Amino acid sequence: MAKKKLSFEESMERLQEIADILSAGKLPLDDMMKLYEEGQALSKACLAQLEAYEGRLETLQAVESTEGTAE
């Protein structure tokens, strides 16, 4: 069964949950490593989303500046 792709906000919320759990340090090491790996994957996904949004913003700003000079 495929995992549901989380929104940016859901990913950030899950990252906070993972950070809180890991900070408590009350899990067996194996479980902590699994959570850490999940957090790393979520972090990479969030960074990729932010980079994609940044690229879209740059494109929109370029279009707006081009349209502004065409007048």
PDB file of N, CA and C in Angstrom:
ATOM      1  N   MET A   1       0.834  -1.184   0.000  1.00  0.00           N
ATOM      2  CA  MET A   1       0.000   0.000   0.000  1.00  0.00           C
ATOM      3  C   MET A   1       0.879   1.248   0.000  1.00  0.00           C
ATOM      4  N   ALA A   2       0.642   2.165  -0.915  1.00  0.00           N
ATOM      5  CA  ALA A   2       1.452   3.369  -1.038  1.00  0.00           C
ATOM      6  C   ALA A   2       1.111   4.359   0.071  1.00  0.00           C
ATOM      7  N   LYS A   3       2.160   5.069   0.519  1.00  0.00           N
ATOM      8  CA  LYS A   3       1.939   6.086   1.538  1.00  0.00           C
ATOM      9  C   LYS A   3       1.348   7.333   0.905  1.00  0.00           C
ATOM     10  N   LYS A   4       0.455   7.982   1.642  1.00  0.00           N
ATOM     11  CA  LYS A   4      -0.145   9.232   1.195  1.00  0.00           C
ATOM     12  C   LYS A   4       0.924  10.323   1.234  1.00  0.00           C
ATOM     13  N   LYS A   5       1.009  11.099   0.173  1.00  0.00           N
ATOM     14  CA  LYS A   5       1.957  12.208   0.158  1.00  0.00           C
ATOM     15  C   LYS A   5       1.413  13.309   1.067  1.00  0.00           C
ATOM     16  N   LEU A   6       2.239  13.715   2.015  1.00  0.00           N
ATOM     17  CA  LEU A   6       1.833  14.736   2.965  1.00  0.00           C
ATOM     18  C   LEU A   6       2.020  16.129   2.380  1.00  0.00           C
ATOM     19  N   SER A   7       1.166  17.034   2.800  1.00  0.00           N
ATOM     20  CA  SER A   7       1.359  18.433   2.416  1.00  0.00           C
ATOM     21  C   SER A   7       2.578  18.960   3.164  1.00  0.00           C
ATOM     22  N   PHE A   8       3.046  20.130   2.772  1.00  0.00           N
ATOM     23  CA  PHE A   8       4.182  20.746   3.454  1.00  0.00           C
ATOM     24  C   PHE A   8       3.871  20.911   4.936  1.00  0.00           C
ATOM     25  N   GLU A   9       2.683  21.412   5.228  1.00  0.00           N
ATOM     26  CA  GLU A   9       2.298  21.657   6.617  1.00  0.00           C
ATOM     27  C   GLU A   9       2.213  20.357   7.423  1.00  0.00           C
ATOM     28  N   GLU A  10       1.672  19.316   6.804  1.00  0.00           N
ATOM     29  CA  GLU A  10       1.591  18.022   7.477  1.00  0.00           C
ATOM     30  C   GLU A  10       2.990  17.453   7.738  1.00  0.00           C
ATOM     31  N   SER A  11       3.870  17.631   6.771  1.00  0.00           N
ATOM     32  CA  SER A  11       5.248  17.163   6.932  1.00  0.00           C
ATOM     33  C   SER A  11       5.942  17.895   8.066  1.00  0.00           C
ATOM     34  N   MET A  12       5.751  19.194   8.139  1.00  0.00           N
ATOM     35  CA  MET A  12       6.374  19.977   9.205  1.00  0.00           C
ATOM     36  C   MET A  12       5.812  19.569  10.571  1.00  0.00           C
ATOM     37  N   GLU A  13       4.524  19.312  10.621  1.00  0.00           N
ATOM     38  CA  GLU A  13       3.898  18.866  11.870  1.00  0.00           C
ATOM     39  C   GLU A  13       4.477  17.519  12.305  1.00  0.00           C
ATOM     40  N   ARG A  14       4.622  16.600  11.361  1.00  0.00           N
ATOM     41  CA  ARG A  14       5.197  15.290  11.671  1.00  0.00           C
ATOM     42  C   ARG A  14       6.654  15.436  12.092  1.00  0.00           C
ATOM     43  N   LEU A  15       7.392  16.327  11.451  1.00  0.00           N
ATOM     44  CA  LEU A  15       8.779  16.560  11.854  1.00  0.00           C
ATOM     45  C   LEU A  15       8.854  17.040  13.301  1.00  0.00           C
ATOM     46  N   GLN A  16       7.937  17.904  13.691  1.00  0.00           N
ATOM     47  CA  GLN A  16       7.913  18.385  15.069  1.00  0.00           C
ATOM     48  C   GLN A  16       7.606  17.247  16.034  1.00  0.00           C
ATOM     49  N   GLU A  17       6.664  16.385  15.651  1.00  0.00           N
ATOM     50  CA  GLU A  17       6.340  15.221  16.483  1.00  0.00           C
ATOM     51  C   GLU A  17       7.576  14.334  16.663  1.00  0.00           C
ATOM     52  N   ILE A  18       8.267  14.093  15.563  1.00  0.00           N
ATOM     53  CA  ILE A  18       9.464  13.251  15.608  1.00  0.00           C
ATOM     54  C   ILE A  18      10.526  13.895  16.498  1.00  0.00           C
ATOM     55  N   ALA A  19      10.731  15.194  16.342  1.00  0.00           N
ATOM     56  CA  ALA A  19      11.716  15.890  17.168  1.00  0.00           C
ATOM     57  C   ALA A  19      11.370  15.779  18.644  1.00  0.00           C
ATOM     58  N   ASP A  20      10.105  15.932  18.959  1.00  0.00           N
ATOM     59  CA  ASP A  20       9.669  15.828  20.357  1.00  0.00           C
ATOM     60  C   ASP A  20       9.917  14.421  20.915  1.00  0.00           C
ATOM     61  N   ILE A  21       9.588  13.418  20.119  1.00  0.00           N
ATOM     62  CA  ILE A  21       9.778  12.028  20.556  1.00  0.00           C
ATOM     63  C   ILE A  21      11.263  11.733  20.748  1.00  0.00           C
ATOM     64  N   LEU A  22      12.071  12.145  19.778  1.00  0.00           N
ATOM     65  CA  LEU A  22      13.510  11.882  19.867  1.00  0.00           C
ATOM     66  C   LEU A  22      14.138  12.632  21.043  1.00  0.00           C
ATOM     67  N   SER A  23      13.671  13.848  21.295  1.00  0.00           N
ATOM     68  CA  SER A  23      14.195  14.636  22.409  1.00  0.00           C
ATOM     69  C   SER A  23      13.905  13.979  23.754  1.00  0.00           C
ATOM     70  N   ALA A  24      12.778  13.309  23.838  1.00  0.00           N
ATOM     71  CA  ALA A  24      12.413  12.629  25.082  1.00  0.00           C
ATOM     72  C   ALA A  24      13.360  11.464  25.365  1.00  0.00           C
ATOM     73  N   GLY A  25      13.874  10.849  24.294  1.00  0.00           N
ATOM     74  CA  GLY A  25      14.850   9.775  24.436  1.00  0.00           C
ATOM     75  C   GLY A  25      14.345   8.544  25.164  1.00  0.00           C
ATOM     76  N   LYS A  26      13.084   8.252  25.060  1.00  0.00           N
ATOM     77  CA  LYS A  26      12.507   7.130  25.811  1.00  0.00           C
ATOM     78  C   LYS A  26      12.226   5.896  24.953  1.00  0.00           C
ATOM     79  N   LEU A  27      12.664   5.922  23.719  1.00  0.00           N
ATOM     80  CA  LEU A  27      12.442   4.773  22.840  1.00  0.00           C
ATOM     81  C   LEU A  27      13.712   3.940  22.726  1.00  0.00           C
ATOM     82  N   PRO A  28      13.556   2.678  22.364  1.00  0.00           N
ATOM     83  CA  PRO A  28      14.739   1.873  22.055  1.00  0.00           C
ATOM     84  C   PRO A  28      15.497   2.490  20.873  1.00  0.00           C
ATOM     85  N   LEU A  29      16.784   2.272  20.846  1.00  0.00           N
ATOM     86  CA  LEU A  29      17.636   2.870  19.816  1.00  0.00           C
ATOM     87  C   LEU A  29      17.153   2.548  18.404  1.00  0.00           C
ATOM     88  N   ASP A  30      16.720   1.317  18.168  1.00  0.00           N
ATOM     89  CA  ASP A  30      16.252   0.923  16.833  1.00  0.00           C
ATOM     90  C   ASP A  30      15.056   1.779  16.402  1.00  0.00           C
ATOM     91  N   ASP A  31      14.126   2.000  17.317  1.00  0.00           N
ATOM     92  CA  ASP A  31      12.953   2.829  17.016  1.00  0.00           C
ATOM     93  C   ASP A  31      13.355   4.284  16.789  1.00  0.00           C
ATOM     94  N   MET A  32      14.315   4.748  17.578  1.00  0.00           N
ATOM     95  CA  MET A  32      14.787   6.127  17.405  1.00  0.00           C
ATOM     96  C   MET A  32      15.442   6.312  16.033  1.00  0.00           C
ATOM     97  N   MET A  33      16.192   5.310  15.598  1.00  0.00           N
ATOM     98  CA  MET A  33      16.832   5.387  14.281  1.00  0.00           C
ATOM     99  C   MET A  33      15.793   5.407  13.169  1.00  0.00           C
ATOM    100  N   LYS A  34      14.742   4.611  13.312  1.00  0.00           N
ATOM    101  CA  LYS A  34      13.670   4.604  12.304  1.00  0.00           C
ATOM    102  C   LYS A  34      12.994   5.967  12.229  1.00  0.00           C
ATOM    103  N   LEU A  35      12.744   6.568  13.397  1.00  0.00           N
ATOM    104  CA  LEU A  35      12.142   7.906  13.412  1.00  0.00           C
ATOM    105  C   LEU A  35      13.086   8.938  12.817  1.00  0.00           C
ATOM    106  N   TYR A  36      14.358   8.829  13.132  1.00  0.00           N
ATOM    107  CA  TYR A  36      15.342   9.752  12.579  1.00  0.00           C
ATOM    108  C   TYR A  36      15.359   9.664  11.057  1.00  0.00           C
ATOM    109  N   GLU A  37      15.347   8.448  10.539  1.00  0.00           N
ATOM    110  CA  GLU A  37      15.333   8.255   9.087  1.00  0.00           C
ATOM    111  C   GLU A  37      14.062   8.825   8.468  1.00  0.00           C
ATOM    112  N   GLU A  38      12.934   8.628   9.144  1.00  0.00           N
ATOM    113  CA  GLU A  38      11.685   9.214   8.654  1.00  0.00           C
ATOM    114  C   GLU A  38      11.796  10.744   8.636  1.00  0.00           C
ATOM    115  N   GLY A  39      12.367  11.292   9.685  1.00  0.00           N
ATOM    116  CA  GLY A  39      12.555  12.742   9.756  1.00  0.00           C
ATOM    117  C   GLY A  39      13.460  13.258   8.651  1.00  0.00           C
ATOM    118  N   GLN A  40      14.522  12.535   8.363  1.00  0.00           N
ATOM    119  CA  GLN A  40      15.427  12.932   7.279  1.00  0.00           C
ATOM    120  C   GLN A  40      14.689  12.954   5.936  1.00  0.00           C
ATOM    121  N   ALA A  41      13.881  11.931   5.690  1.00  0.00           N
ATOM    122  CA  ALA A  41      13.123  11.868   4.438  1.00  0.00           C
ATOM    123  C   ALA A  41      12.117  13.015   4.352  1.00  0.00           C
ATOM    124  N   LEU A  42      11.445  13.302   5.461  1.00  0.00           N
ATOM    125  CA  LEU A  42      10.491  14.413   5.483  1.00  0.00           C
ATOM    126  C   LEU A  42      11.203  15.747   5.267  1.00  0.00           C
ATOM    127  N   SER A  43      12.352  15.893   5.881  1.00  0.00           N
ATOM    128  CA  SER A  43      13.126  17.118   5.730  1.00  0.00           C
ATOM    129  C   SER A  43      13.526  17.347   4.270  1.00  0.00           C
ATOM    130  N   LYS A  44      13.983  16.292   3.618  1.00  0.00           N
ATOM    131  CA  LYS A  44      14.361  16.391   2.200  1.00  0.00           C
ATOM    132  C   LYS A  44      13.151  16.742   1.339  1.00  0.00           C
ATOM    133  N   ALA A  45      12.008  16.134   1.641  1.00  0.00           N
ATOM    134  CA  ALA A  45      10.794  16.414   0.880  1.00  0.00           C
ATOM    135  C   ALA A  45      10.369  17.874   1.066  1.00  0.00           C
ATOM    136  N   CYS A  46      10.450  18.369   2.301  1.00  0.00           N
ATOM    137  CA  CYS A  46      10.093  19.775   2.570  1.00  0.00           C
ATOM    138  C   CYS A  46      11.033  20.719   1.828  1.00  0.00           C
ATOM    139  N   LEU A  47      12.322  20.419   1.854  1.00  0.00           N
ATOM    140  CA  LEU A  47      13.292  21.259   1.153  1.00  0.00           C
ATOM    141  C   LEU A  47      13.010  21.277  -0.345  1.00  0.00           C
ATOM    142  N   ALA A  48      12.688  20.132  -0.908  1.00  0.00           N
ATOM    143  CA  ALA A  48      12.372  20.059  -2.342  1.00  0.00           C
ATOM    144  C   ALA A  48      11.131  20.893  -2.662  1.00  0.00           C
ATOM    145  N   GLN A  49      10.120  20.825  -1.773  1.00  0.00           N
ATOM    146  CA  GLN A  49       8.914  21.630  -1.991  1.00  0.00           C
ATOM    147  C   GLN A  49       9.235  23.123  -1.923  1.00  0.00           C
ATOM    148  N   LEU A  50      10.036  23.513  -0.952  1.00  0.00           N
ATOM    149  CA  LEU A  50      10.402  24.929  -0.818  1.00  0.00           C
ATOM    150  C   LEU A  50      11.186  25.414  -2.040  1.00  0.00           C
ATOM    151  N   GLU A  51      12.091  24.584  -2.530  1.00  0.00           N
ATOM    152  CA  GLU A  51      12.865  24.948  -3.715  1.00  0.00           C
ATOM    153  C   GLU A  51      11.957  25.079  -4.936  1.00  0.00           C
ATOM    154  N   ALA A  52      10.971  24.200  -5.043  1.00  0.00           N
ATOM    155  CA  ALA A  52      10.032  24.283  -6.163  1.00  0.00           C
ATOM    156  C   ALA A  52       9.208  25.563  -6.076  1.00  0.00           C
ATOM    157  N   TYR A  53       8.753  25.900  -4.879  1.00  0.00           N
ATOM    158  CA  TYR A  53       7.995  27.148  -4.701  1.00  0.00           C
ATOM    159  C   TYR A  53       8.863  28.357  -5.004  1.00  0.00           C
ATOM    160  N   GLU A  54      10.113  28.297  -4.582  1.00  0.00           N
ATOM    161  CA  GLU A  54      11.030  29.403  -4.851  1.00  0.00           C
ATOM    162  C   GLU A  54      11.200  29.600  -6.365  1.00  0.00           C
ATOM    163  N   GLY A  55      11.336  28.496  -7.083  1.00  0.00           N
ATOM    164  CA  GLY A  55      11.457  28.572  -8.537  1.00  0.00           C
ATOM    165  C   GLY A  55      10.207  29.158  -9.171  1.00  0.00           C
ATOM    166  N   ARG A  56       9.050  28.774  -8.678  1.00  0.00           N
ATOM    167  CA  ARG A  56       7.795  29.320  -9.207  1.00  0.00           C
ATOM    168  C   ARG A  56       7.704  30.818  -8.935  1.00  0.00           C
ATOM    169  N   LEU A  57       8.113  31.232  -7.723  1.00  0.00           N
ATOM    170  CA  LEU A  57       8.087  32.660  -7.393  1.00  0.00           C
ATOM    171  C   LEU A  57       9.026  33.457  -8.284  1.00  0.00           C
ATOM    172  N   GLU A  58      10.206  32.920  -8.513  1.00  0.00           N
ATOM    173  CA  GLU A  58      11.167  33.596  -9.384  1.00  0.00           C
ATOM    174  C   GLU A  58      10.607  33.736 -10.793  1.00  0.00           C
ATOM    175  N   THR A  59       9.949  32.693 -11.278  1.00  0.00           N
ATOM    176  CA  THR A  59       9.342  32.742 -12.611  1.00  0.00           C
ATOM    177  C   THR A  59       8.244  33.798 -12.658  1.00  0.00           C
ATOM    178  N   LEU A  60       7.390  33.814 -11.646  1.00  0.00           N
ATOM    179  CA  LEU A  60       6.317  34.813 -11.599  1.00  0.00           C
ATOM    180  C   LEU A  60       6.869  36.230 -11.521  1.00  0.00           C
ATOM    181  N   GLN A  61       7.915  36.421 -10.732  1.00  0.00           N
ATOM    182  CA  GLN A  61       8.511  37.748 -10.606  1.00  0.00           C
ATOM    183  C   GLN A  61       9.144  38.181 -11.924  1.00  0.00           C
ATOM    184  N   ALA A  62       9.757  37.229 -12.625  1.00  0.00           N
ATOM    185  CA  ALA A  62      10.363  37.548 -13.915  1.00  0.00           C
ATOM    186  C   ALA A  62       9.294  37.944 -14.919  1.00  0.00           C
ATOM    187  N   VAL A  63       8.187  37.217 -14.924  1.00  0.00           N
ATOM    188  CA  VAL A  63       7.075  37.541 -15.834  1.00  0.00           C
ATOM    189  C   VAL A  63       6.505  38.907 -15.499  1.00  0.00           C
ATOM    190  N   GLU A  64       6.314  39.179 -14.209  1.00  0.00           N
ATOM    191  CA  GLU A  64       5.772  40.472 -13.789  1.00  0.00           C
ATOM    192  C   GLU A  64       6.709  41.614 -14.168  1.00  0.00           C
ATOM    193  N   SER A  65       8.009  41.428 -14.000  1.00  0.00           N
ATOM    194  CA  SER A  65       8.931  42.502 -14.339  1.00  0.00           C
ATOM    195  C   SER A  65       8.998  42.708 -15.851  1.00  0.00           C
ATOM    196  N   THR A  66       8.855  41.628 -16.624  1.00  0.00           N
ATOM    197  CA  THR A  66       8.838  41.736 -18.078  1.00  0.00           C
ATOM    198  C   THR A  66       7.563  42.441 -18.542  1.00  0.00           C
ATOM    199  N   GLU A  67       6.435  42.095 -17.935  1.00  0.00           N
ATOM    200  CA  GLU A  67       5.165  42.730 -18.291  1.00  0.00           C
ATOM    201  C   GLU A  67       5.164  44.204 -17.888  1.00  0.00           C
ATOM    202  N   GLY A  68       5.816  44.507 -16.783  1.00  0.00           N
ATOM    203  CA  GLY A  68       5.883  45.887 -16.320  1.00  0.00           C
ATOM    204  C   GLY A  68       6.706  46.780 -17.231  1.00  0.00           C
ATOM    205  N   THR A  69       7.720  46.217 -17.900  1.00  0.00           N
ATOM    206  CA  THR A  69       8.558  47.017 -18.791  1.00  0.00           C
ATOM    207  C   THR A  69       7.978  47.110 -20.197  1.00  0.00           C
ATOM    208  N   ALA A  70       7.001  46.281 -20.488  1.00  0.00           N
ATOM    209  CA  ALA A  70       6.413  46.270 -21.829  1.00  0.00           C
ATOM    210  C   ALA A  70       5.420  47.405 -22.026  1.00  0.00           C
ATOM    211  N   GLU A  71       5.039  48.050 -20.950  1.00  0.00           N
ATOM    212  CA  GLU A  71       4.036  49.105 -21.058  1.00  0.00           C
ATOM    213  C   GLU A  71       4.607  50.382 -21.586  1.00  0.00           C
TER     214      GLU A  71
END
